[in-house]
C-alpha atoms as a PDB file:
ATOM      1  CA  UNK A   1      -0.030   0.468   0.163  1.00  0.00           C
ATOM      2  CA  UNK A   2       1.654   3.041  -0.826  1.00  0.00           C
ATOM      3  CA  UNK A   3      -0.105   5.159   1.450  1.00  0.00           C
ATOM      4  CA  UNK A   4      -1.998   5.502   5.006  1.00  0.00           C
ATOM      5  CA  UNK A   5      -6.131   5.337   4.016  1.00  0.00           C
ATOM      6  CA  UNK A   6      -9.401   5.203   5.871  1.00  0.00           C
ATOM      7  CA  UNK A   7     -12.070   2.540   4.864  1.00  0.00           C
ATOM      8  CA  UNK A   8     -15.951   2.488   5.836  1.00  0.00           C
ATOM      9  CA  UNK A   9     -17.648  -0.720   6.955  1.00  0.00           C
ATOM     10  CA  UNK A  10     -21.708  -0.378   5.798  1.00  0.00           C
ATOM     11  CA  UNK A  11     -23.170  -3.219   7.964  1.00  0.00           C
ATOM     12  CA  UNK A  12     -26.596  -4.479   6.374  1.00  0.00           C
ATOM     13  CA  UNK A  13     -29.497  -2.126   6.326  1.00  0.00           C
ATOM     14  CA  UNK A  14     -31.857  -4.961   4.496  1.00  0.00           C
ATOM     15  CA  UNK A  15     -32.912  -1.726   2.247  1.00  0.00           C
ATOM     16  CA  UNK A  16     -36.706  -0.289   3.151  1.00  0.00           C
ATOM     17  CA  UNK A  17     -36.495  -2.122   6.837  1.00  0.00           C
ATOM     18  CA  UNK A  18     -33.167   0.703   7.427  1.00  0.00           C
ATOM     19  CA  UNK A  19     -32.974   1.999  10.225  1.00  0.00           C
ATOM     20  CA  UNK A  20     -34.010   5.823   9.082  1.00  0.00           C
ATOM     21  CA  UNK A  21     -31.645   7.659  12.265  1.00  0.00           C
ATOM     22  CA  UNK A  22     -29.323   5.157  12.003  1.00  0.00           C
ATOM     23  CA  UNK A  23     -29.061   6.058   8.151  1.00  0.00           C
ATOM     24  CA  UNK A  24     -28.554   9.813   8.821  1.00  0.00           C
ATOM     25  CA  UNK A  25     -25.546   9.219  11.709  1.00  0.00           C
ATOM     26  CA  UNK A  26     -23.652   7.395   8.486  1.00  0.00           C
ATOM     27  CA  UNK A  27     -24.712   9.643   6.132  1.00  0.00           C
ATOM     28  CA  UNK A  28     -22.754  12.716   8.004  1.00  0.00           C
ATOM     29  CA  UNK A  29     -20.065  10.240   9.150  1.00  0.00           C
ATOM     30  CA  UNK A  30     -18.850   9.902   6.260  1.00  0.00           C
ATOM     31  CA  UNK A  31     -19.386  13.249   5.253  1.00  0.00           C
ATOM     32  CA  UNK A  32     -16.433  13.748   8.199  1.00  0.00           C
ATOM     33  CA  UNK A  33     -14.533  11.005   7.462  1.00  0.00           C
ATOM     34  CA  UNK A  34     -13.813  11.319   3.411  1.00  0.00           C
ATOM     35  CA  UNK A  35     -13.280   7.383   3.441  1.00  0.00           C
ATOM     36  CA  UNK A  36     -11.270   5.778   0.850  1.00  0.00           C
ATOM     37  CA  UNK A  37     -13.187   3.002   0.752  1.00  0.00           C
ATOM     38  CA  UNK A  38     -15.985   1.611   1.532  1.00  0.00           C
ATOM     39  CA  UNK A  39     -17.203  -1.664   2.015  1.00  0.00           C
ATOM     40  CA  UNK A  40     -20.607  -3.194   2.137  1.00  0.00           C
ATOM     41  CA  UNK A  41     -21.166  -6.452   4.014  1.00  0.00           C
ATOM     42  CA  UNK A  42     -24.154  -7.762   2.226  1.00  0.00           C
ATOM     43  CA  UNK A  43     -27.891  -7.178   3.046  1.00  0.00           C
ATOM     44  CA  UNK A  44     -28.744  -4.022   1.479  1.00  0.00           C
ATOM     45  CA  UNK A  45     -32.024  -5.315  -0.235  1.00  0.00           C
ATOM     46  CA  UNK A  46     -34.134  -7.260   2.217  1.00  0.00           C
ATOM     47  CA  UNK A  47     -35.583  -9.146  -0.856  1.00  0.00           C
ATOM     48  CA  UNK A  48     -38.796 -10.193   1.398  1.00  0.00           C
ATOM     49  CA  UNK A  49     -42.226 -10.957   0.035  1.00  0.00           C
ATOM     50  CA  UNK A  50     -42.274 -12.155  -2.983  1.00  0.00           C
ATOM     51  CA  UNK A  51     -38.556 -13.727  -3.144  1.00  0.00           C
ATOM     52  CA  UNK A  52     -38.154 -15.240   0.106  1.00  0.00           C
ATOM     53  CA  UNK A  53     -38.603 -18.256   1.008  1.00  0.00           C
ATOM     54  CA  UNK A  54     -39.663 -16.622   4.441  1.00  0.00           C
ATOM     55  CA  UNK A  55     -43.629 -17.164   5.612  1.00  0.00           C
ATOM     56  CA  UNK A  56     -45.488 -13.766   6.279  1.00  0.00           C
ATOM     57  CA  UNK A  57     -47.045 -14.000   9.746  1.00  0.00           C
ATOM     58  CA  UNK A  58     -48.868  -9.935   9.808  1.00  0.00           C
ATOM     59  CA  UNK A  59     -50.791  -8.928   7.319  1.00  0.00           C
ATOM     60  CA  UNK A  60     -48.588  -5.695   7.957  1.00  0.00           C
ATOM     61  CA  UNK A  61     -46.026  -7.550   6.437  1.00  0.00           C
ATOM     62  CA  UNK A  62     -47.734  -7.794   3.636  1.00  0.00           C
ATOM     63  CA  UNK A  63     -46.773  -3.843   2.600  1.00  0.00           C
ATOM     64  CA  UNK A  64     -43.647  -5.008   0.853  1.00  0.00           C
ATOM     65  CA  UNK A  65     -42.492  -4.925  -2.541  1.00  0.00           C
ATOM     66  CA  UNK A  66     -39.303  -5.259  -4.217  1.00  0.00           C
ATOM     67  CA  UNK A  67     -39.257  -2.199  -6.142  1.00  0.00           C
ATOM     68  CA  UNK A  68     -39.719  -1.122  -2.934  1.00  0.00           C
ATOM     69  CA  UNK A  69     -36.486  -2.246  -1.259  1.00  0.00           C
ATOM     70  CA  UNK A  70     -34.715  -1.755  -4.673  1.00  0.00           C
ATOM     71  CA  UNK A  71     -35.234   2.453  -4.353  1.00  0.00           C
ATOM     72  CA  UNK A  72     -34.588   2.219  -0.781  1.00  0.00           C
ATOM     73  CA  UNK A  73     -30.926   1.141  -0.762  1.00  0.00           C
ATOM     74  CA  UNK A  74     -30.631   2.912  -4.153  1.00  0.00           C
ATOM     75  CA  UNK A  75     -30.943   5.386  -1.915  1.00  0.00           C
ATOM     76  CA  UNK A  76     -28.842   4.657   0.738  1.00  0.00           C
ATOM     77  CA  UNK A  77     -26.074   4.243  -1.974  1.00  0.00           C
ATOM     78  CA  UNK A  78     -26.730   7.461  -3.877  1.00  0.00           C
ATOM     79  CA  UNK A  79     -26.072   9.483  -0.317  1.00  0.00           C
ATOM     80  CA  UNK A  80     -22.733   7.527   0.594  1.00  0.00           C
ATOM     81  CA  UNK A  81     -21.446   8.266  -2.873  1.00  0.00           C
ATOM     82  CA  UNK A  82     -22.354  11.522  -3.083  1.00  0.00           C
ATOM     83  CA  UNK A  83     -20.558  11.744   0.982  1.00  0.00           C
ATOM     84  CA  UNK A  84     -17.207   9.924  -0.484  1.00  0.00           C
ATOM     85  CA  UNK A  85     -17.314  10.536  -4.121  1.00  0.00           C
ATOM     86  CA  UNK A  86     -13.588   9.107  -5.181  1.00  0.00           C
ATOM     87  CA  UNK A  87     -14.161   6.269  -2.352  1.00  0.00           C
ATOM     88  CA  UNK A  88     -13.425   2.530  -3.613  1.00  0.00           C
ATOM     89  CA  UNK A  89     -16.470   0.230  -3.601  1.00  0.00           C
ATOM     90  CA  UNK A  90     -17.100  -3.713  -2.954  1.00  0.00           C
ATOM     91  CA  UNK A  91     -20.284  -4.650  -2.096  1.00  0.00           C
ATOM     92  CA  UNK A  92     -20.022  -9.215  -0.496  1.00  0.00           C
ATOM     93  CA  UNK A  93     -23.670 -10.054  -1.362  1.00  0.00           C
ATOM     94  CA  UNK A  94     -25.713 -10.797   1.613  1.00  0.00           C
ATOM     95  CA  UNK A  95     -28.381 -14.098   2.360  1.00  0.00           C
ATOM     96  CA  UNK A  96     -31.264 -11.675   1.672  1.00  0.00           C
ATOM     97  CA  UNK A  97     -29.234 -10.397  -1.043  1.00  0.00           C
ATOM     98  CA  UNK A  98     -29.720 -13.774  -2.529  1.00  0.00           C
ATOM     99  CA  UNK A  99     -32.887 -14.559  -2.140  1.00  0.00           C
ATOM    100  CA  UNK A 100     -33.388 -13.672  -6.163  1.00  0.00           C
ATOM    101  CA  UNK A 101     -31.017 -16.640  -6.465  1.00  0.00           C
ATOM    102  CA  UNK A 102     -32.588 -18.761  -4.703  1.00  0.00           C
ATOM    103  CA  UNK A 103     -36.062 -17.847  -5.992  1.00  0.00           C
ATOM    104  CA  UNK A 104     -34.752 -18.387  -9.781  1.00  0.00           C
ATOM    105  CA  UNK A 105     -33.313 -21.912  -8.701  1.00  0.00           C
ATOM    106  CA  UNK A 106     -36.175 -22.803  -7.135  1.00  0.00           C
ATOM    107  CA  UNK A 107     -38.941 -21.687 -10.129  1.00  0.00           C
ATOM    108  CA  UNK A 108     -36.255 -22.288 -13.250  1.00  0.00           C
ATOM    109  CA  UNK A 109     -36.009 -26.313 -14.729  1.00  0.00           C
ATOM    110  CA  UNK A 110     -32.167 -24.487 -16.675  1.00  0.00           C
ATOM    111  CA  UNK A 111     -29.262 -21.809 -15.716  1.00  0.00           C
ATOM    112  CA  UNK A 112     -29.514 -19.916 -18.479  1.00  0.00           C
ATOM    113  CA  UNK A 113     -33.060 -18.585 -17.519  1.00  0.00           C
ATOM    114  CA  UNK A 114     -32.315 -18.217 -14.133  1.00  0.00           C
ATOM    115  CA  UNK A 115     -29.208 -16.293 -15.046  1.00  0.00           C
ATOM    116  CA  UNK A 116     -31.016 -14.297 -17.291  1.00  0.00           C
ATOM    117  CA  UNK A 117     -33.733 -13.220 -15.052  1.00  0.00           C
ATOM    118  CA  UNK A 118     -30.686 -12.300 -12.920  1.00  0.00           C
ATOM    119  CA  UNK A 119     -29.598 -10.471 -15.590  1.00  0.00           C
ATOM    120  CA  UNK A 120     -32.659  -7.986 -15.620  1.00  0.00           C
ATOM    121  CA  UNK A 121     -34.314  -8.307 -11.669  1.00  0.00           C
ATOM    122  CA  UNK A 122     -31.075  -9.216  -9.763  1.00  0.00           C
ATOM    123  CA  UNK A 123     -29.198  -7.473  -6.771  1.00  0.00           C
ATOM    124  CA  UNK A 124     -26.214  -6.357  -9.073  1.00  0.00           C
ATOM    125  CA  UNK A 125     -28.649  -4.857 -11.594  1.00  0.00           C
ATOM    126  CA  UNK A 126     -31.298  -3.401  -9.475  1.00  0.00           C
ATOM    127  CA  UNK A 127     -28.915  -1.142  -7.767  1.00  0.00           C
ATOM    128  CA  UNK A 128     -26.817  -0.272 -10.731  1.00  0.00           C
ATOM    129  CA  UNK A 129     -23.615  -1.353  -8.660  1.00  0.00           C
ATOM    130  CA  UNK A 130     -21.923  -1.407 -12.725  1.00  0.00           C
ATOM    131  CA  UNK A 131     -22.844   2.138 -13.601  1.00  0.00           C
ATOM    132  CA  UNK A 132     -21.535   2.979 -10.121  1.00  0.00           C
ATOM    133  CA  UNK A 133     -18.333   1.297 -10.557  1.00  0.00           C
ATOM    134  CA  UNK A 134     -19.134  -0.776  -7.124  1.00  0.00           C
ATOM    135  CA  UNK A 135     -17.547  -4.628  -7.835  1.00  0.00           C
ATOM    136  CA  UNK A 136     -19.782  -7.215  -6.195  1.00  0.00           C
ATOM    137  CA  UNK A 137     -18.738 -10.307  -4.859  1.00  0.00           C
ATOM    138  CA  UNK A 138     -21.423 -13.225  -5.580  1.00  0.00           C
ATOM    139  CA  UNK A 139     -21.912 -15.485  -2.478  1.00  0.00           C
ATOM    140  CA  UNK A 140     -21.969 -18.840  -4.611  1.00  0.00           C
ATOM    141  CA  UNK A 141     -18.691 -17.797  -6.783  1.00  0.00           C
ATOM    142  CA  UNK A 142     -14.472 -17.827  -5.147  1.00  0.00           C
ATOM    143  CA  UNK A 143     -12.260 -14.310  -5.188  1.00  0.00           C
ATOM    144  CA  UNK A 144      -8.852 -14.046  -4.514  1.00  0.00           C
ATOM    145  CA  UNK A 145      -7.694 -17.903  -3.629  1.00  0.00           C
ATOM    146  CA  UNK A 146     -10.093 -17.742  -0.647  1.00  0.00           C
ATOM    147  CA  UNK A 147     -11.695 -21.279   0.431  1.00  0.00           C
ATOM    148  CA  UNK A 148     -14.452 -19.711   1.812  1.00  0.00           C
ATOM    149  CA  UNK A 149     -17.437 -18.456  -1.461  1.00  0.00           C
ATOM    150  CA  UNK A 150     -18.051 -14.966  -0.908  1.00  0.00           C
ATOM    151  CA  UNK A 151     -15.186 -13.001   0.997  1.00  0.00           C
ATOM    152  CA  UNK A 152     -12.655 -11.061   0.008  1.00  0.00           C
ATOM    153  CA  UNK A 153      -8.984 -10.091   0.932  1.00  0.00           C
ATOM    154  CA  UNK A 154      -7.969  -5.726   1.711  1.00  0.00           C
ATOM    155  CA  UNK A 155      -4.438  -5.616   3.504  1.00  0.00           C
ATOM    156  CA  UNK A 156      -4.540  -7.912   6.259  1.00  0.00           C
ATOM    157  CA  UNK A 157      -8.531  -8.173   6.425  1.00  0.00           C
ATOM    158  CA  UNK A 158     -11.039 -10.157   5.227  1.00  0.00           C
ATOM    159  CA  UNK A 159     -14.669  -9.287   4.923  1.00  0.00           C
ATOM    160  CA  UNK A 160     -17.365 -11.579   4.217  1.00  0.00           C
ATOM    161  CA  UNK A 161     -21.579 -11.690   5.061  1.00  0.00           C
ATOM    162  CA  UNK A 162     -21.418 -14.089   7.338  1.00  0.00           C
ATOM    163  CA  UNK A 163     -20.825 -17.908   8.422  1.00  0.00           C
ATOM    164  CA  UNK A 164     -22.146 -18.247  11.722  1.00  0.00           C
ATOM    165  CA  UNK A 165     -25.118 -16.450  14.076  1.00  0.00           C
ATOM    166  CA  UNK A 166     -24.924 -17.579  17.317  1.00  0.00           C
ATOM    167  CA  UNK A 167     -24.207 -15.668  20.098  1.00  0.00           C
ATOM    168  CA  UNK A 168     -20.436 -16.329  19.650  1.00  0.00           C
ATOM    169  CA  UNK A 169     -20.274 -15.973  15.919  1.00  0.00           C
ATOM    170  CA  UNK A 170     -17.567 -13.342  16.364  1.00  0.00           C
ATOM    171  CA  UNK A 171     -15.742 -15.851  17.857  1.00  0.00           C
ATOM    172  CA  UNK A 172     -16.092 -18.435  15.615  1.00  0.00           C
ATOM    173  CA  UNK A 173     -15.429 -16.300  13.263  1.00  0.00           C
ATOM    174  CA  UNK A 174     -11.583 -15.533  14.618  1.00  0.00           C
ATOM    175  CA  UNK A 175     -11.632 -19.213  14.924  1.00  0.00           C
ATOM    176  CA  UNK A 176     -12.819 -20.459  11.652  1.00  0.00           C
ATOM    177  CA  UNK A 177     -10.679 -17.561   9.429  1.00  0.00           C
ATOM    178  CA  UNK A 178      -7.302 -18.293  12.792  1.00  0.00           C
ATOM    179  CA  UNK A 179      -6.898 -14.169  10.439  1.00  0.00           C
ATOM    180  CA  UNK A 180      -8.265 -10.658  10.921  1.00  0.00           C
ATOM    181  CA  UNK A 181     -12.109 -10.735   9.702  1.00  0.00           C
ATOM    182  CA  UNK A 182     -15.438  -8.569   9.745  1.00  0.00           C
ATOM    183  CA  UNK A 183     -18.668  -9.727   9.193  1.00  0.00           C
ATOM    184  CA  UNK A 184     -22.053  -9.046   8.866  1.00  0.00           C
ATOM    185  CA  UNK A 185     -25.524 -10.632   9.415  1.00  0.00           C
ATOM    186  CA  UNK A 186     -25.683 -11.168  13.083  1.00  0.00           C
ATOM    187  CA  UNK A 187     -26.740  -7.655  13.890  1.00  0.00           C
ATOM    188  CA  UNK A 188     -25.126  -7.479  16.809  1.00  0.00           C
ATOM    189  CA  UNK A 189     -22.219  -5.094  17.507  1.00  0.00           C
ATOM    190  CA  UNK A 190     -18.899  -7.677  18.697  1.00  0.00           C
ATOM    191  CA  UNK A 191     -15.546  -7.881  18.587  1.00  0.00           C
ATOM    192  CA  UNK A 192     -13.457 -11.022  19.786  1.00  0.00           C
ATOM    193  CA  UNK A 193      -9.609 -11.029  20.341  1.00  0.00           C
ATOM    194  CA  UNK A 194      -6.992 -13.692  19.447  1.00  0.00           C
ATOM    195  CA  UNK A 195      -3.512 -14.602  18.580  1.00  0.00           C
ATOM    196  CA  UNK A 196      -1.220 -17.196  17.586  1.00  0.00           C
ATOM    197  CA  UNK A 197       2.405 -18.302  17.392  1.00  0.00           C
ATOM    198  CA  UNK A 198       2.697 -16.951  14.072  1.00  0.00           C
ATOM    199  CA  UNK A 199       0.387 -13.931  14.847  1.00  0.00           C
ATOM    200  CA  UNK A 200       0.131 -11.842  18.004  1.00  0.00           C
ATOM    201  CA  UNK A 201      -2.637  -9.644  16.520  1.00  0.00           C
ATOM    202  CA  UNK A 202      -5.794 -10.986  15.779  1.00  0.00           C
ATOM    203  CA  UNK A 203      -9.369  -9.817  15.352  1.00  0.00           C
ATOM    204  CA  UNK A 204     -13.177 -10.309  14.391  1.00  0.00           C
ATOM    205  CA  UNK A 205     -15.574  -8.070  14.778  1.00  0.00           C
ATOM    206  CA  UNK A 206     -19.274  -7.537  13.322  1.00  0.00           C
ATOM    207  CA  UNK A 207     -20.171  -3.245  13.726  1.00  0.00           C
ATOM    208  CA  UNK A 208     -23.957  -4.196  14.269  1.00  0.00           C
ATOM    209  CA  UNK A 209     -27.001  -3.124  11.434  1.00  0.00           C
ATOM    210  CA  UNK A 210     -28.174  -0.271   9.658  1.00  0.00           C
ATOM    211  CA  UNK A 211     -31.554  -2.205  10.081  1.00  0.00           C
ATOM    212  CA  UNK A 212     -34.886  -2.057  12.298  1.00  0.00           C
ATOM    213  CA  UNK A 213     -33.924  -3.190  15.793  1.00  0.00           C
ATOM    214  CA  UNK A 214     -37.713  -4.839  15.969  1.00  0.00           C
ATOM    215  CA  UNK A 215     -38.575  -5.989  13.149  1.00  0.00           C
ATOM    216  CA  UNK A 216     -42.207  -7.368  12.978  1.00  0.00           C
ATOM    217  CA  UNK A 217     -40.832 -11.140  12.406  1.00  0.00           C
ATOM    218  CA  UNK A 218     -39.089 -11.199  16.250  1.00  0.00           C
ATOM    219  CA  UNK A 219     -42.463 -11.171  17.013  1.00  0.00           C
ATOM    220  CA  UNK A 220     -42.615 -10.619  20.531  1.00  0.00           C
ATOM    221  CA  UNK A 221     -38.660 -11.697  21.439  1.00  0.00           C
ATOM    222  CA  UNK A 222     -36.678  -8.493  21.756  1.00  0.00           C
ATOM    223  CA  UNK A 223     -33.935  -8.590  19.965  1.00  0.00           C
ATOM    224  CA  UNK A 224     -29.969  -8.239  20.787  1.00  0.00           C
ATOM    225  CA  UNK A 225     -29.310  -5.902  17.637  1.00  0.00           C
ATOM    226  CA  UNK A 226     -27.312  -3.258  17.434  1.00  0.00           C
ATOM    227  CA  UNK A 227     -26.786  -0.678  15.883  1.00  0.00           C
ATOM    228  CA  UNK A 228     -23.308   0.783  14.083  1.00  0.00           C
ATOM    229  CA  UNK A 229     -20.588   0.459  11.093  1.00  0.00           C
ATOM    230  CA  UNK A 230     -16.880   0.127  11.375  1.00  0.00           C
ATOM    231  CA  UNK A 231     -14.075   2.352  10.278  1.00  0.00           C
ATOM    232  CA  UNK A 232     -10.840   1.308   9.387  1.00  0.00           C
ATOM    233  CA  UNK A 233      -7.512   3.180   9.644  1.00  0.00           C
ATOM    234  CA  UNK A 234      -5.073   1.743   7.872  1.00  0.00           C
ATOM    235  CA  UNK A 235      -1.582   3.006   7.887  1.00  0.00           C
ATOM    236  CA  UNK A 236       0.935   2.101   4.637  1.00  0.00           C
ATOM    237  CA  UNK A 237       2.095  -1.255   5.590  1.00  0.00           C
ATOM    238  CA  UNK A 238      -1.375  -2.605   6.029  1.00  0.00           C
ATOM    239  CA  UNK A 239      -1.851  -2.674   9.830  1.00  0.00           C
ATOM    240  CA  UNK A 240      -5.234  -1.289  10.789  1.00  0.00           C
ATOM    241  CA  UNK A 241      -7.138  -0.329  14.152  1.00  0.00           C
ATOM    242  CA  UNK A 242     -10.860  -0.736  13.138  1.00  0.00           C
ATOM    243  CA  UNK A 243     -13.699   0.886  15.349  1.00  0.00           C
ATOM    244  CA  UNK A 244     -17.025  -0.455  15.595  1.00  0.00           C
ATOM    245  CA  UNK A 245     -18.830   2.972  15.776  1.00  0.00           C
ATOM    246  CA  UNK A 246     -21.821   2.326  17.559  1.00  0.00           C
ATOM    247  CA  UNK A 247     -25.114   4.985  16.746  1.00  0.00           C
ATOM    248  CA  UNK A 248     -26.968   6.089  19.647  1.00  0.00           C
ATOM    249  CA  UNK A 249     -30.602   6.567  18.341  1.00  0.00           C
ATOM    250  CA  UNK A 250     -31.841   9.825  18.570  1.00  0.00           C
ATOM    251  CA  UNK A 251     -28.334  11.898  19.378  1.00  0.00           C
ATOM    252  CA  UNK A 252     -26.432  10.857  16.357  1.00  0.00           C
ATOM    253  CA  UNK A 253     -23.820   8.697  16.141  1.00  0.00           C
ATOM    254  CA  UNK A 254     -20.456   8.291  18.388  1.00  0.00           C
ATOM    255  CA  UNK A 255     -17.687   9.782  15.875  1.00  0.00           C
ATOM    256  CA  UNK A 256     -19.657  12.555  14.591  1.00  0.00           C
ATOM    257  CA  UNK A 257     -20.084  13.513  19.074  1.00  0.00           C
ATOM    258  CA  UNK A 258     -15.617  12.722  19.520  1.00  0.00           C
ATOM    259  CA  UNK A 259     -15.318  14.633  16.476  1.00  0.00           C
ATOM    260  CA  UNK A 260     -17.241  17.644  18.078  1.00  0.00           C
ATOM    261  CA  UNK A 261     -15.676  17.294  20.961  1.00  0.00           C
ATOM    262  CA  UNK A 262     -12.108  17.990  19.940  1.00  0.00           C
ATOM    263  CA  UNK A 263     -13.035  20.768  17.036  1.00  0.00           C
ATOM    264  CA  UNK A 264     -14.479  22.433  20.471  1.00  0.00           C
ATOM    265  CA  UNK A 265     -11.565  21.467  22.793  1.00  0.00           C
ATOM    266  CA  UNK A 266      -8.640  22.697  20.152  1.00  0.00           C
ATOM    267  CA  UNK A 267     -10.922  25.995  19.587  1.00  0.00           C
ATOM    268  CA  UNK A 268     -10.877  26.762  23.235  1.00  0.00           C
END
């Protein structure tokens, strides 16, 4: 790496199910950070309703529409692109974006027909990723010689949507990768640390989510989810500091408050 960079990590936002306060906070902070790279961890579309195998329970859920879902995700992408116009961007497909491919695989007999549908209705097309210059990584494909599909490596850190959802999912990622890794999927902000004989500083992180914390399908069970996103400050050597930035609903994000506090102290 020829220079130090700032990397923004955007966790699951779930299209029209995004938390509006969290959306406002990450956009505001992105303007302050001016990141050089943005990595989207997946599930930026919810793909509920038609494409999801999830069975609805409430009539309130019947408002879902794929067009509205895509419109909300495109609005988030538009806002982040405007806030960081020069950032390189990667989007890792999540299990919710993959609902479209699963639906096609269930309903078509031939691969050519299924792929034709994805070319028109798939996430990459509906989010205009090619036109935006955003690289898209499908869950069914391998990249950079990595054994786990839908996973990429940037510098000294791996990024994936998620290989575990349990309470200790972040520790599971650290154990399975044996390297620094950032994942989404669980919607719970978490960090795990470890070391090996050859590496004395390993970490795994989940930044949380940008989605609503209590969707209807959680029924009466309170979720353990948390709003937030990730930031990495990466040195020329590739060494980095990772920060899970919490977003406190109604009060903006901790990063914005920290930057404001530093500015006030300098001005005093």
